[in-house]
Structures are given as structure tokens and as C-alpha cells.
Amino acid sequence: MKKLTWGSLAFIFLISLFWVSGSNGSEKPAPPAGPVQLEPVKLPPPQMTGGKPLMEVLKNRKTSRDFKPDQLTPQVLSNLLWAACGINRPASGLRTAPSAMNWQEIDVYVVMEAGAYLYDAKTNVLQPVLARDVRGDTGRIIQPFVKEAPVNLVYVADFSRVSTMGKVFVSDEEKLIYSSAGAGFIGQNVYLFCASEGLATVIRGLVDKDALAKDLNLKKNQKIILAQTVGYPKGEK
């Protein structure tokens, strides 16, 4: 009988390790992790009562660019989005913010650390759009706070909803004017809500629109109008 050499022993040892480690199928390796999938977020019903008196809110309305990274609670987020452009007359579907001819052409995208969502006012649900943190694309390099604040709202006009005013044709320039006004109404609602609730906010025109439009998979007839950052003010409890 031949003596086993060190090389033979090493080979047998490696084979035995391979066999014990799971070649018999008893322990399968864990599958590689796939991309993170976002689920729709059902928000709690908005609270439509309370808050500070209107004149006090107008007195306290201001712009702030200093935010804590603390997340908004689901209830605060629900109240915020309803104040922005939620449905306040369910029978007709009319909103808290006006729009020309009731086109309701402005969509509100909610960009947070977990990803980007589209606010569905009819169901009070955040519909998933992108499972990636793209808060940085909601601003420019001179606006580092957008990456730290918990919420960046993006107001996107869908020009496919803007048709005619009666029998009068609406030009591309007029579409932009009306949509800009609509986004401004929504932004002011957010300002007033934040003043009432002690939140910080700033509305912004400086947005990396090309990158963000790609992130949100916008169509040709959709145009980013404005963005608005919301969060708890830094330095305050």
C-alpha cells in the first residue's frame, strides 16, 4: 500500500471541507439581496381642526433653511399634505389649493430618505416612485440642507391636464403661468401650515431639474415647477 504524501492529504482535507460546508444541499448559500422595494404608505386621516388663528399664523410665517434630520410623524405628514392640496370638499373632489379651471395639474412628489413617493389625495396614500434617497437632486450645490431635511416636496405640472379655457386655446406660455400660480398656492398653504405647527420650510426654484426628472421618471408633458423643504427647525425642541 502506497503512503499518502502531504499533497494527497491536503487534497483530501480540502475535499472534506467542501463536502461538510454544504455540497450535500443541507445548507444553501443566502441569495444576493435584491433592490429595495417601496410599498404604498397609507397615511392616517388628516386632522382638519385645530391649529393657530389665521392672523397669528400670518404673523409667524417665514422662510428657514436650518433643519433637523428628525423624521416627521405619519400624522404630521398627513396633515401637511392635506393642507398643501388635499381634498376639502369630498363630494366634488375640490382641493385646499385653487387651480385654473380646476385642472388640478400640479402633482406633489414627496422625497424622503427612504425614497420618492407621489401623493394621492383621493386615497391619502403615498404611491412609491423610487426606492433611493434623491433628496440632493431636489436642490443645488448651494443648498446642502436639502440632503438633511426629512421632507422635500416637489411640485410637478402635468400639462396633459391643461387643455382649453372654454373655447380658448391655452398656449405653452400660459400653461406655465397657470401652473406656476398653482404651485405657488400649494406652497403658501405649506408655509401657513408650518407656521401653525412650528415647522421650518423654504420654497425653492433652484432644483436640479434634469436629474430629478430622470429620478422621478417624468414624461415629456410633465415639468418640475418648484420644490419646498419641510422639517423641524434646528435649535428648537
Foldseek 3Di string as FASTA:
>chain_A
DDDDDPVNVVVVVVVVVVVVVAPVPPDDDDDDDDDDDDDKAAADAADPDDFDDQVQLVVQQDADQAFALDADDSRLVLNLVQLLWAQPDVVVRHTNFDAVVNLPQKWKWKAFQQGIFTQDRNRRMTHGQARHHPQVQFADPVRVSSSRFGIKIWIKGQCVSPAADVPHGQDPVNSLVRSLVRNVRSVVSSSSSCSRVQKHKDKDQGGNFVVVCVRRVPDPRMGTGIMMTIHHGPPDD
